[in-house]
Amino acid sequence: MGSREELIRQRAHEIWEDAGCPEGQANVHWDQATAEIVAAEGSSGSPKFAEDDLPEGLIRAPKGPNRQPKQTI
Protein backbone atom coordinates (compact mmCIF):
# COMPACT_ATOMS: atom_id res chain seq x y z
CA MET A 1 0.00 0.00 0.00
CA GLY A 2 1.05 3.63 0.24
CA SER A 3 0.67 4.61 -3.36
CA ARG A 4 -1.38 7.67 -4.09
CA GLU A 5 -3.86 5.74 -6.22
CA GLU A 6 -4.41 3.16 -3.47
CA LEU A 7 -5.05 5.89 -0.89
CA ILE A 8 -7.52 7.57 -3.23
CA ARG A 9 -9.25 4.26 -3.95
CA GLN A 10 -9.66 3.51 -0.25
CA ARG A 11 -10.95 7.02 0.53
CA ALA A 12 -13.37 6.93 -2.42
CA HIS A 13 -14.75 3.64 -1.10
CA GLU A 14 -15.24 5.19 2.35
CA ILE A 15 -17.05 8.17 0.81
CA TRP A 16 -19.25 5.79 -1.22
CA GLU A 17 -20.15 3.81 1.92
CA ASP A 18 -20.83 6.98 3.92
CA ALA A 19 -23.17 8.15 1.15
CA GLY A 20 -25.21 4.95 1.40
CA CYS A 21 -23.56 3.07 -1.51
CA PRO A 22 -25.35 4.91 -4.33
CA GLU A 23 -25.04 3.66 -7.90
CA GLY A 24 -23.49 5.83 -10.62
CA GLN A 25 -21.47 8.14 -8.36
CA ALA A 26 -18.03 6.57 -8.70
CA ASN A 27 -16.52 9.57 -10.50
CA VAL A 28 -17.89 12.00 -7.92
CA HIS A 29 -16.49 9.93 -5.05
CA TRP A 30 -13.13 9.49 -6.81
CA ASP A 31 -12.85 13.24 -7.45
CA GLN A 32 -13.74 14.05 -3.85
CA ALA A 33 -11.20 11.54 -2.54
CA THR A 34 -8.54 12.92 -4.87
CA ALA A 35 -9.21 16.47 -3.68
CA GLU A 36 -8.98 15.40 -0.04
CA ILE A 37 -5.70 13.52 -0.56
CA VAL A 38 -4.17 16.41 -2.51
CA ALA A 39 -5.28 18.90 0.17
CA ALA A 40 -3.81 16.73 2.92
CA GLU A 41 -0.60 16.42 0.94
CA GLY A 42 -0.33 20.20 0.56
CA SER A 43 -1.11 21.03 4.17
CA SER A 44 1.46 18.65 5.64
CA GLY A 45 4.33 20.95 4.71
CA SER A 46 6.18 18.13 3.01
CA PRO A 47 5.29 15.80 0.19
CA LYS A 48 3.28 12.81 1.34
CA PHE A 49 4.07 10.87 -1.83
CA ALA A 50 7.31 10.25 -3.66
CA GLU A 51 7.73 11.44 -7.24
CA ASP A 52 7.61 7.79 -8.29
CA ASP A 53 4.04 7.48 -6.91
CA LEU A 54 2.66 10.11 -9.28
CA PRO A 55 0.97 8.89 -12.46
CA GLU A 56 3.24 8.89 -15.50
CA GLY A 57 3.49 12.30 -17.14
CA LEU A 58 2.64 14.27 -13.98
CA ILE A 59 5.17 16.16 -11.94
CA ARG A 60 4.88 17.65 -8.48
CA ALA A 61 4.59 21.43 -8.37
CA PRO A 62 7.88 22.89 -7.16
CA LYS A 63 8.13 24.64 -3.79
CA GLY A 64 10.48 27.32 -2.65
CA PRO A 65 11.97 30.43 -4.25
CA ASN A 66 12.91 28.75 -7.56
CA ARG A 67 9.48 27.54 -8.63
CA GLN A 68 10.40 26.40 -12.10
CA PRO A 69 8.99 22.92 -12.76
CA LYS A 70 11.49 20.37 -13.94
CA GLN A 71 11.20 19.56 -17.60
CA THR A 72 10.25 16.06 -18.68
CA ILE A 73 10.93 14.70 -22.11
C-alpha atoms as a PDB file:
ATOM      1  CA  MET A   1       0.000   0.000   0.000  1.00  0.00           C
ATOM      2  CA  GLY A   2       1.051   3.628   0.235  1.00  0.00           C
ATOM      3  CA  SER A   3       0.668   4.607  -3.359  1.00  0.00           C
ATOM      4  CA  ARG A   4      -1.381   7.671  -4.086  1.00  0.00           C
ATOM      5  CA  GLU A   5      -3.860   5.744  -6.218  1.00  0.00           C
ATOM      6  CA  GLU A   6      -4.414   3.157  -3.472  1.00  0.00           C
ATOM      7  CA  LEU A   7      -5.046   5.893  -0.886  1.00  0.00           C
ATOM      8  CA  ILE A   8      -7.524   7.571  -3.228  1.00  0.00           C
ATOM      9  CA  ARG A   9      -9.246   4.255  -3.954  1.00  0.00           C
ATOM     10  CA  GLN A  10      -9.659   3.515  -0.247  1.00  0.00           C
ATOM     11  CA  ARG A  11     -10.948   7.018   0.531  1.00  0.00           C
ATOM     12  CA  ALA A  12     -13.373   6.928  -2.425  1.00  0.00           C
ATOM     13  CA  HIS A  13     -14.750   3.642  -1.100  1.00  0.00           C
ATOM     14  CA  GLU A  14     -15.239   5.191   2.350  1.00  0.00           C
ATOM     15  CA  ILE A  15     -17.049   8.165   0.807  1.00  0.00           C
ATOM     16  CA  TRP A  16     -19.251   5.791  -1.216  1.00  0.00           C
ATOM     17  CA  GLU A  17     -20.147   3.807   1.921  1.00  0.00           C
ATOM     18  CA  ASP A  18     -20.828   6.984   3.917  1.00  0.00           C
ATOM     19  CA  ALA A  19     -23.165   8.154   1.145  1.00  0.00           C
ATOM     20  CA  GLY A  20     -25.210   4.948   1.402  1.00  0.00           C
ATOM     21  CA  CYS A  21     -23.559   3.068  -1.506  1.00  0.00           C
ATOM     22  CA  PRO A  22     -25.354   4.912  -4.332  1.00  0.00           C
ATOM     23  CA  GLU A  23     -25.042   3.663  -7.904  1.00  0.00           C
ATOM     24  CA  GLY A  24     -23.486   5.827 -10.624  1.00  0.00           C
ATOM     25  CA  GLN A  25     -21.472   8.139  -8.363  1.00  0.00           C
ATOM     26  CA  ALA A  26     -18.034   6.566  -8.701  1.00  0.00           C
ATOM     27  CA  ASN A  27     -16.521   9.573 -10.497  1.00  0.00           C
ATOM     28  CA  VAL A  28     -17.893  11.996  -7.916  1.00  0.00           C
ATOM     29  CA  HIS A  29     -16.487   9.934  -5.047  1.00  0.00           C
ATOM     30  CA  TRP A  30     -13.135   9.487  -6.808  1.00  0.00           C
ATOM     31  CA  ASP A  31     -12.848  13.237  -7.454  1.00  0.00           C
ATOM     32  CA  GLN A  32     -13.736  14.051  -3.848  1.00  0.00           C
ATOM     33  CA  ALA A  33     -11.201  11.535  -2.539  1.00  0.00           C
ATOM     34  CA  THR A  34      -8.536  12.920  -4.870  1.00  0.00           C
ATOM     35  CA  ALA A  35      -9.213  16.468  -3.682  1.00  0.00           C
ATOM     36  CA  GLU A  36      -8.975  15.396  -0.037  1.00  0.00           C
ATOM     37  CA  ILE A  37      -5.696  13.521  -0.564  1.00  0.00           C
ATOM     38  CA  VAL A  38      -4.166  16.410  -2.511  1.00  0.00           C
ATOM     39  CA  ALA A  39      -5.279  18.899   0.168  1.00  0.00           C
ATOM     40  CA  ALA A  40      -3.807  16.730   2.923  1.00  0.00           C
ATOM     41  CA  GLU A  41      -0.603  16.420   0.940  1.00  0.00           C
ATOM     42  CA  GLY A  42      -0.334  20.198   0.559  1.00  0.00           C
ATOM     43  CA  SER A  43      -1.114  21.028   4.173  1.00  0.00           C
ATOM     44  CA  SER A  44       1.460  18.651   5.638  1.00  0.00           C
ATOM     45  CA  GLY A  45       4.331  20.950   4.712  1.00  0.00           C
ATOM     46  CA  SER A  46       6.181  18.131   3.008  1.00  0.00           C
ATOM     47  CA  PRO A  47       5.294  15.799   0.188  1.00  0.00           C
ATOM     48  CA  LYS A  48       3.283  12.809   1.341  1.00  0.00           C
ATOM     49  CA  PHE A  49       4.074  10.865  -1.825  1.00  0.00           C
ATOM     50  CA  ALA A  50       7.308  10.252  -3.663  1.00  0.00           C
ATOM     51  CA  GLU A  51       7.730  11.442  -7.242  1.00  0.00           C
ATOM     52  CA  ASP A  52       7.605   7.795  -8.289  1.00  0.00           C
ATOM     53  CA  ASP A  53       4.038   7.482  -6.907  1.00  0.00           C
ATOM     54  CA  LEU A  54       2.658  10.113  -9.276  1.00  0.00           C
ATOM     55  CA  PRO A  55       0.971   8.892 -12.457  1.00  0.00           C
ATOM     56  CA  GLU A  56       3.239   8.887 -15.500  1.00  0.00           C
ATOM     57  CA  GLY A  57       3.492  12.297 -17.138  1.00  0.00           C
ATOM     58  CA  LEU A  58       2.636  14.271 -13.985  1.00  0.00           C
ATOM     59  CA  ILE A  59       5.169  16.157 -11.942  1.00  0.00           C
ATOM     60  CA  ARG A  60       4.881  17.650  -8.480  1.00  0.00           C
ATOM     61  CA  ALA A  61       4.590  21.426  -8.366  1.00  0.00           C
ATOM     62  CA  PRO A  62       7.880  22.885  -7.156  1.00  0.00           C
ATOM     63  CA  LYS A  63       8.128  24.636  -3.793  1.00  0.00           C
ATOM     64  CA  GLY A  64      10.478  27.321  -2.651  1.00  0.00           C
ATOM     65  CA  PRO A  65      11.967  30.426  -4.251  1.00  0.00           C
ATOM     66  CA  ASN A  66      12.913  28.751  -7.555  1.00  0.00           C
ATOM     67  CA  ARG A  67       9.485  27.543  -8.626  1.00  0.00           C
ATOM     68  CA  GLN A  68      10.397  26.400 -12.102  1.00  0.00           C
ATOM     69  CA  PRO A  69       8.992  22.915 -12.759  1.00  0.00           C
ATOM     70  CA  LYS A  70      11.486  20.371 -13.943  1.00  0.00           C
ATOM     71  CA  GLN A  71      11.198  19.555 -17.601  1.00  0.00           C
ATOM     72  CA  THR A  72      10.251  16.055 -18.681  1.00  0.00           C
ATOM     73  CA  ILE A  73      10.933  14.699 -22.110  1.00  0.00           C
END
